[in-house]
C-alpha atoms as a PDB file:
ATOM      1  CA  MET A   1      -0.312  -0.300  -0.291  1.00  0.00           C
ATOM      2  CA  TYR A   2       1.173   3.033  -0.824  1.00  0.00           C
ATOM      3  CA  ILE A   3      -0.229   6.631   1.404  1.00  0.00           C
ATOM      4  CA  TYR A   4      -0.314   9.916  -0.574  1.00  0.00           C
ATOM      5  CA  ASN A   5       0.314  12.371   2.564  1.00  0.00           C
ATOM      6  CA  VAL A   6      -0.531  16.218   1.711  1.00  0.00           C
ATOM      7  CA  THR A   7       0.753  18.154   4.844  1.00  0.00           C
ATOM      8  CA  ILE A   8      -1.373  21.755   4.560  1.00  0.00           C
ATOM      9  CA  ASN A   9      -1.255  24.894   6.835  1.00  0.00           C
ATOM     10  CA  ILE A  10      -4.682  27.401   6.964  1.00  0.00           C
ATOM     11  CA  GLU A  11      -4.071  31.208   8.017  1.00  0.00           C
ATOM     12  CA  GLU A  12      -6.910  31.008  10.875  1.00  0.00           C
ATOM     13  CA  SER A  13      -9.031  33.643   9.020  1.00  0.00           C
ATOM     14  CA  LEU A  14      -9.453  30.969   6.407  1.00  0.00           C
ATOM     15  CA  HIS A  15      -9.831  27.847   8.606  1.00  0.00           C
ATOM     16  CA  ASP A  16     -13.680  26.660   9.195  1.00  0.00           C
ATOM     17  CA  GLU A  17     -14.196  27.866   5.481  1.00  0.00           C
ATOM     18  CA  TRP A  18     -11.426  25.238   4.575  1.00  0.00           C
ATOM     19  CA  LEU A  19     -12.174  22.244   7.044  1.00  0.00           C
ATOM     20  CA  ASN A  20     -15.790  22.351   5.261  1.00  0.00           C
ATOM     21  CA  TRP A  21     -14.158  22.673   1.800  1.00  0.00           C
ATOM     22  CA  MET A  22     -12.135  19.920   2.799  1.00  0.00           C
ATOM     23  CA  GLU A  23     -15.184  17.418   3.205  1.00  0.00           C
ATOM     24  CA  SER A  24     -16.199  17.942  -0.873  1.00  0.00           C
ATOM     25  CA  HIS A  25     -12.839  17.931  -1.883  1.00  0.00           C
ATOM     26  CA  ILE A  26     -10.709  15.115   0.421  1.00  0.00           C
ATOM     27  CA  ALA A  27     -14.683  13.633  -1.593  1.00  0.00           C
ATOM     28  CA  ASP A  28     -12.561  14.457  -5.498  1.00  0.00           C
ATOM     29  CA  VAL A  29     -10.165  13.102  -4.810  1.00  0.00           C
ATOM     30  CA  LEU A  30     -11.547  10.137  -3.405  1.00  0.00           C
ATOM     31  CA  ASN A  31     -14.336  10.029  -6.343  1.00  0.00           C
ATOM     32  CA  THR A  32     -11.259   9.974  -8.702  1.00  0.00           C
ATOM     33  CA  GLY A  33     -11.283   6.270  -7.984  1.00  0.00           C
ATOM     34  CA  LYS A  34      -7.303   5.851  -6.982  1.00  0.00           C
ATOM     35  CA  PHE A  35      -7.451   5.778  -3.391  1.00  0.00           C
ATOM     36  CA  THR A  36      -9.426   3.885  -1.165  1.00  0.00           C
ATOM     37  CA  ALA A  37      -9.186   6.029   2.211  1.00  0.00           C
ATOM     38  CA  ALA A  38      -9.023   8.980   3.673  1.00  0.00           C
ATOM     39  CA  LYS A  39      -7.940   9.984   7.003  1.00  0.00           C
ATOM     40  CA  LEU A  40      -7.641  13.926   7.783  1.00  0.00           C
ATOM     41  CA  THR A  41      -5.414  14.146  11.249  1.00  0.00           C
ATOM     42  CA  GLU A  42      -4.808  17.840  12.721  1.00  0.00           C
ATOM     43  CA  VAL A  43      -1.437  18.062  13.490  1.00  0.00           C
ATOM     44  CA  LEU A  44       0.115  19.249  17.134  1.00  0.00           C
ATOM     45  CA  ALA A  45       1.499  21.907  17.535  1.00  0.00           C
ATOM     46  CA  GLU A  46       2.560  24.942  18.639  1.00  0.00           C
ATOM     47  CA  ASN A  47       1.622  27.709  15.309  1.00  0.00           C
ATOM     48  CA  GLU A  48       1.968  30.999  14.738  1.00  0.00           C
ATOM     49  CA  SER A  49       1.028  31.003  11.874  1.00  0.00           C
ATOM     50  CA  GLY A  50      -3.008  29.152  11.418  1.00  0.00           C
ATOM     51  CA  ARG A  51      -3.204  25.611  11.358  1.00  0.00           C
ATOM     52  CA  THR A  52      -2.166  22.249  10.632  1.00  0.00           C
ATOM     53  CA  TYR A  53      -3.520  19.663   9.104  1.00  0.00           C
ATOM     54  CA  SER A  54      -2.891  16.489   7.324  1.00  0.00           C
ATOM     55  CA  VAL A  55      -4.947  14.062   4.619  1.00  0.00           C
ATOM     56  CA  GLN A  56      -3.398   9.983   3.985  1.00  0.00           C
ATOM     57  CA  TYR A  57      -4.283   9.295   0.903  1.00  0.00           C
ATOM     58  CA  SER A  58      -4.500   4.826   0.798  1.00  0.00           C
ATOM     59  CA  ALA A  59      -3.945   3.679  -2.675  1.00  0.00           C
ATOM     60  CA  ASN A  60      -3.375  -0.009  -3.297  1.00  0.00           C
ATOM     61  CA  SER A  61      -1.041   0.439  -5.903  1.00  0.00           C
ATOM     62  CA  ARG A  62       2.062   2.946  -7.625  1.00  0.00           C
ATOM     63  CA  LYS A  63       0.057   2.676 -10.721  1.00  0.00           C
ATOM     64  CA  ASP A  64      -2.970   4.062  -8.583  1.00  0.00           C
ATOM     65  CA  LEU A  65      -0.489   6.861  -7.639  1.00  0.00           C
ATOM     66  CA  ASP A  66       0.849   7.468 -10.809  1.00  0.00           C
ATOM     67  CA  ASP A  67      -1.761   7.229 -12.606  1.00  0.00           C
ATOM     68  CA  TYR A  68      -3.589   9.975  -9.804  1.00  0.00           C
ATOM     69  CA  TYR A  69      -0.586  12.473 -10.438  1.00  0.00           C
ATOM     70  CA  GLN A  70      -1.502  12.241 -14.112  1.00  0.00           C
ATOM     71  CA  PHE A  71      -4.954  12.559 -14.399  1.00  0.00           C
ATOM     72  CA  HIS A  72      -6.238  14.480 -12.150  1.00  0.00           C
ATOM     73  CA  ALA A  73      -3.324  16.282  -9.508  1.00  0.00           C
ATOM     74  CA  ASP A  74      -3.526  19.320 -11.352  1.00  0.00           C
ATOM     75  CA  LYS A  75      -7.157  19.869 -11.360  1.00  0.00           C
ATOM     76  CA  LEU A  76      -7.448  18.964  -7.658  1.00  0.00           C
ATOM     77  CA  ARG A  77      -5.010  21.097  -6.741  1.00  0.00           C
ATOM     78  CA  ALA A  78      -5.569  23.507  -9.202  1.00  0.00           C
ATOM     79  CA  GLU A  79      -9.357  24.385  -7.450  1.00  0.00           C
ATOM     80  CA  ALA A  80      -7.553  24.743  -4.046  1.00  0.00           C
ATOM     81  CA  ILE A  81      -4.970  28.039  -5.545  1.00  0.00           C
ATOM     82  CA  LYS A  82      -8.141  29.936  -6.706  1.00  0.00           C
ATOM     83  CA  LYS A  83     -10.079  29.227  -3.490  1.00  0.00           C
ATOM     84  CA  PHE A  84      -7.231  29.786  -1.019  1.00  0.00           C
ATOM     85  CA  GLY A  85      -4.801  31.346  -3.135  1.00  0.00           C
ATOM     86  CA  ASN A  86      -1.600  32.059  -0.947  1.00  0.00           C
ATOM     87  CA  LYS A  87      -3.808  31.695   2.110  1.00  0.00           C
ATOM     88  CA  MET A  88      -2.794  28.141   2.406  1.00  0.00           C
ATOM     89  CA  LEU A  89       0.077  26.323   1.609  1.00  0.00           C
ATOM     90  CA  ALA A  90       0.421  22.974   1.228  1.00  0.00           C
ATOM     91  CA  PHE A  91       3.848  19.773   0.370  1.00  0.00           C
ATOM     92  CA  ARG A  92       3.341  16.380  -0.404  1.00  0.00           C
ATOM     93  CA  THR A  93       4.820  13.172   0.039  1.00  0.00           C
ATOM     94  CA  GLU A  94       4.664   9.065  -1.029  1.00  0.00           C
ATOM     95  CA  LEU A  95       5.290   6.174   1.809  1.00  0.00           C
ATOM     96  CA  LYS A  96       5.153   3.032   1.319  1.00  0.00           C
ATOM     97  CA  LEU A  97       3.692   0.858   3.877  1.00  0.00           C
ATOM     98  CA  ILE A  98       6.769  -2.219   4.782  1.00  0.00           C
ATOM     99  CA  LYS A  99       4.498  -3.828   7.485  1.00  0.00           C
ATOM    100  CA  GLU A 100       1.721  -3.415   9.540  1.00  0.00           C
ATOM    101  CA  TYR A 101       2.995  -4.406  13.567  1.00  0.00           C
ATOM    102  CA  TYR A 102      -0.238  -4.695  15.769  1.00  0.00           C
ATOM    103  CA  PRO A 103       0.011  -5.808  19.793  1.00  0.00           C
ATOM    104  CA  THR A 104       0.271  -9.167  20.947  1.00  0.00           C
ATOM    105  CA  ASN A 105       1.098  -8.901  24.413  1.00  0.00           C
ATOM    106  CA  LEU A 106      -2.123  -7.097  25.757  1.00  0.00           C
ATOM    107  CA  SER A 107      -2.494  -8.660  29.177  1.00  0.00           C
ATOM    108  CA  ASN A 108      -0.435  -5.861  31.027  1.00  0.00           C
END
């Protein structure tokens, strides 16, 4: 599995509008058919320039991620830039899941 992580800092003055907009934006990204799930999290750190969030999209394959970049990413990114401009700063990282671990001894 691949994780496409987008970290976003949004200015406080637009926070509520952005958070509401993200509901539809995440749905649009998922509706490309290239991702199986998404998690929206808030980064818990002091930040004087707004609030920071991370969205983690799960993809089954590298091909799905590459297809997203080729056929969908530019349009969806442009929508965000048009709406929020320089009031929103985003950077993206890719992660490849190697293995998941779970507790085996829960008696403690």
